[in-house]
């Protein structure tokens, strides 16, 4: 039987190696995502959708701050 897409294990779009940090630990990555989502939200007119996007931008900012603190504590 040939496996279907549902039966296959998901693959990550991120490639990890010993010299590259994971995106979860990269403060600049999350900061960039926050800025990108906030910029998109500013162009939205529907209040509900705009609010959700701004909330997502805030979440990304928090993730950036936490990644920065983890990196600071590693040194």
N, C-alpha and C. Protein backbone atom coordinates (compact mmCIF):
# COMPACT_ATOMS: atom_id res chain seq x y z
N UNK A 1 0.84 -1.18 0.00
CA UNK A 1 0.00 0.00 0.00
C UNK A 1 0.88 1.25 0.00
N UNK A 2 0.57 2.21 -0.83
CA UNK A 2 1.32 3.45 -0.93
C UNK A 2 0.80 4.41 0.15
N UNK A 3 1.71 4.98 0.97
CA UNK A 3 1.24 5.88 2.02
C UNK A 3 0.66 7.16 1.42
N UNK A 4 -0.39 7.66 2.04
CA UNK A 4 -0.97 8.92 1.60
C UNK A 4 -0.27 10.06 2.32
N UNK A 5 -0.58 11.27 1.91
CA UNK A 5 0.04 12.44 2.55
C UNK A 5 -0.23 12.47 4.04
N UNK A 6 -1.41 12.02 4.47
CA UNK A 6 -1.74 12.03 5.89
C UNK A 6 -0.90 11.05 6.69
N UNK A 7 -0.45 9.99 6.05
CA UNK A 7 0.30 8.97 6.75
C UNK A 7 1.79 9.29 6.84
N UNK A 8 2.25 10.23 6.05
CA UNK A 8 3.67 10.57 6.07
C UNK A 8 3.96 11.53 7.21
N UNK A 9 5.10 11.37 7.80
CA UNK A 9 5.49 12.27 8.89
C UNK A 9 5.76 13.66 8.34
N UNK A 10 5.34 14.70 9.07
CA UNK A 10 5.60 16.05 8.59
C UNK A 10 7.09 16.36 8.61
N UNK A 11 7.51 17.15 7.68
CA UNK A 11 8.91 17.55 7.64
C UNK A 11 9.01 19.02 7.97
N UNK A 12 10.09 19.40 8.60
CA UNK A 12 10.31 20.79 8.97
C UNK A 12 10.85 21.56 7.78
N UNK A 13 10.45 22.81 7.66
CA UNK A 13 11.01 23.63 6.59
C UNK A 13 12.34 24.24 7.01
N UNK A 14 12.72 24.05 8.26
CA UNK A 14 13.98 24.57 8.77
C UNK A 14 15.02 23.46 8.79
N UNK A 15 16.20 23.77 8.34
CA UNK A 15 17.30 22.83 8.39
C UNK A 15 18.21 23.22 9.56
N UNK A 16 18.48 22.26 10.41
CA UNK A 16 19.29 22.53 11.59
C UNK A 16 20.67 21.90 11.44
N UNK A 17 21.64 22.56 11.95
CA UNK A 17 22.98 21.99 12.01
C UNK A 17 23.63 22.48 13.29
N UNK A 18 24.76 21.94 13.59
CA UNK A 18 25.46 22.31 14.82
C UNK A 18 25.87 23.77 14.84
N UNK A 19 26.12 24.36 13.67
CA UNK A 19 26.59 25.74 13.66
C UNK A 19 25.46 26.76 13.53
N UNK A 20 24.24 26.31 13.21
CA UNK A 20 23.11 27.22 13.09
C UNK A 20 22.19 27.06 14.28
N UNK A 21 21.72 28.18 14.78
CA UNK A 21 20.77 28.14 15.88
C UNK A 21 19.38 27.84 15.34
N UNK A 22 18.56 27.30 16.19
CA UNK A 22 17.18 27.05 15.82
C UNK A 22 16.43 28.38 15.74
N UNK A 23 15.46 28.51 14.85
CA UNK A 23 14.71 29.76 14.76
C UNK A 23 14.05 30.16 16.08
N UNK A 24 13.67 29.20 16.90
CA UNK A 24 13.04 29.53 18.18
C UNK A 24 13.99 30.31 19.08
N UNK A 25 15.29 30.13 18.89
CA UNK A 25 16.29 30.81 19.71
C UNK A 25 16.85 32.07 19.05
N UNK A 26 16.33 32.43 17.91
CA UNK A 26 16.86 33.56 17.15
C UNK A 26 15.99 34.79 17.35
N UNK A 27 16.43 35.71 18.20
CA UNK A 27 15.65 36.91 18.52
C UNK A 27 15.40 37.76 17.27
N UNK A 28 16.38 37.87 16.40
CA UNK A 28 16.21 38.67 15.18
C UNK A 28 15.13 38.08 14.28
N UNK A 29 15.06 36.77 14.22
CA UNK A 29 14.03 36.10 13.42
C UNK A 29 12.64 36.52 13.88
N UNK A 30 12.39 36.43 15.21
CA UNK A 30 11.07 36.76 15.74
C UNK A 30 10.78 38.25 15.67
N UNK A 31 11.80 39.06 15.85
CA UNK A 31 11.63 40.49 15.72
C UNK A 31 11.24 40.86 14.28
N UNK A 32 11.89 40.25 13.32
CA UNK A 32 11.54 40.48 11.91
C UNK A 32 10.11 40.05 11.61
N UNK A 33 9.68 38.90 12.16
CA UNK A 33 8.31 38.43 11.95
C UNK A 33 7.33 39.43 12.55
N UNK A 34 7.64 39.93 13.75
CA UNK A 34 6.76 40.90 14.40
C UNK A 34 6.60 42.16 13.56
N UNK A 35 7.69 42.65 13.04
CA UNK A 35 7.65 43.86 12.22
C UNK A 35 6.87 43.61 10.94
N UNK A 36 7.07 42.46 10.33
CA UNK A 36 6.38 42.11 9.09
C UNK A 36 4.87 42.04 9.31
N UNK A 37 4.45 41.35 10.38
CA UNK A 37 3.02 41.19 10.65
C UNK A 37 2.40 42.54 11.03
N UNK A 38 3.12 43.36 11.78
CA UNK A 38 2.60 44.66 12.15
C UNK A 38 2.41 45.54 10.91
N UNK A 39 3.34 45.49 10.00
CA UNK A 39 3.22 46.24 8.75
C UNK A 39 2.00 45.79 7.95
N UNK A 40 1.79 44.49 7.88
CA UNK A 40 0.61 43.96 7.18
C UNK A 40 -0.67 44.43 7.87
N UNK A 41 -0.68 44.38 9.21
CA UNK A 41 -1.86 44.78 9.97
C UNK A 41 -2.22 46.25 9.73
N UNK A 42 -1.23 47.08 9.57
CA UNK A 42 -1.49 48.51 9.36
C UNK A 42 -2.25 48.76 8.07
N UNK A 43 -2.14 47.87 7.11
CA UNK A 43 -2.85 48.03 5.85
C UNK A 43 -4.24 47.41 5.85
N UNK A 44 -4.64 46.78 6.95
CA UNK A 44 -5.94 46.12 7.00
C UNK A 44 -7.02 47.08 7.47
N UNK A 45 -8.22 46.88 6.95
CA UNK A 45 -9.33 47.75 7.32
C UNK A 45 -10.33 47.09 8.25
N UNK A 46 -10.43 45.76 8.22
CA UNK A 46 -11.38 45.06 9.09
C UNK A 46 -10.83 45.06 10.51
N UNK A 47 -11.56 45.64 11.46
CA UNK A 47 -11.04 45.77 12.83
C UNK A 47 -10.69 44.44 13.50
N UNK A 48 -11.50 43.42 13.28
CA UNK A 48 -11.23 42.13 13.91
C UNK A 48 -9.96 41.49 13.40
N UNK A 49 -9.82 41.49 12.10
CA UNK A 49 -8.63 40.90 11.48
C UNK A 49 -7.39 41.70 11.85
N UNK A 50 -7.52 43.02 11.80
CA UNK A 50 -6.39 43.88 12.17
C UNK A 50 -5.97 43.63 13.62
N UNK A 51 -6.95 43.49 14.51
CA UNK A 51 -6.65 43.22 15.92
C UNK A 51 -5.94 41.90 16.12
N UNK A 52 -6.37 40.88 15.38
CA UNK A 52 -5.72 39.57 15.49
C UNK A 52 -4.27 39.63 15.00
N UNK A 53 -4.07 40.36 13.92
CA UNK A 53 -2.70 40.49 13.40
C UNK A 53 -1.82 41.27 14.37
N UNK A 54 -2.36 42.30 14.99
CA UNK A 54 -1.58 43.06 15.96
C UNK A 54 -1.27 42.21 17.20
N UNK A 55 -2.22 41.36 17.58
CA UNK A 55 -1.97 40.43 18.70
C UNK A 55 -0.86 39.45 18.33
N UNK A 56 -0.87 38.97 17.09
CA UNK A 56 0.19 38.06 16.63
C UNK A 56 1.54 38.78 16.64
N UNK A 57 1.55 40.03 16.18
CA UNK A 57 2.79 40.81 16.20
C UNK A 57 3.31 40.95 17.62
N UNK A 58 2.41 41.17 18.56
CA UNK A 58 2.82 41.27 19.97
C UNK A 58 3.41 39.95 20.47
N UNK A 59 2.78 38.84 20.10
CA UNK A 59 3.29 37.53 20.48
C UNK A 59 4.69 37.31 19.94
N UNK A 60 4.92 37.69 18.68
CA UNK A 60 6.25 37.57 18.09
C UNK A 60 7.27 38.45 18.82
N UNK A 61 6.85 39.63 19.25
CA UNK A 61 7.76 40.50 20.00
C UNK A 61 8.15 39.85 21.32
N UNK A 62 7.18 39.23 21.98
CA UNK A 62 7.47 38.52 23.24
C UNK A 62 8.44 37.37 22.99
N UNK A 63 8.22 36.64 21.91
CA UNK A 63 9.13 35.53 21.57
C UNK A 63 10.54 36.05 21.31
N UNK A 64 10.65 37.21 20.65
CA UNK A 64 11.96 37.81 20.40
C UNK A 64 12.63 38.18 21.71
N UNK A 65 11.87 38.78 22.62
CA UNK A 65 12.44 39.15 23.92
C UNK A 65 12.92 37.93 24.69
N UNK A 66 12.14 36.87 24.67
CA UNK A 66 12.53 35.65 25.38
C UNK A 66 13.76 35.00 24.75
N UNK A 67 13.81 35.00 23.43
CA UNK A 67 14.99 34.44 22.75
C UNK A 67 16.23 35.27 23.09
N UNK A 68 16.07 36.59 23.15
CA UNK A 68 17.19 37.46 23.51
C UNK A 68 17.66 37.14 24.93
N UNK A 69 16.73 36.98 25.85
CA UNK A 69 17.10 36.67 27.24
C UNK A 69 17.78 35.31 27.34
N UNK A 70 17.31 34.31 26.58
CA UNK A 70 17.97 33.01 26.61
C UNK A 70 19.39 33.12 26.10
N UNK A 71 19.57 33.87 25.01
CA UNK A 71 20.91 34.04 24.45
C UNK A 71 21.81 34.78 25.43
N UNK A 72 21.26 35.75 26.10
CA UNK A 72 22.03 36.54 27.08
C UNK A 72 22.48 35.65 28.25
N UNK A 73 21.60 34.74 28.65
CA UNK A 73 21.91 33.85 29.78
C UNK A 73 22.89 32.74 29.41
N UNK A 74 23.04 32.46 28.10
CA UNK A 74 23.96 31.41 27.65
C UNK A 74 25.42 31.88 27.68
N UNK A 75 25.62 33.18 27.63
CA UNK A 75 26.99 33.71 27.58
C UNK A 75 27.55 33.97 28.95
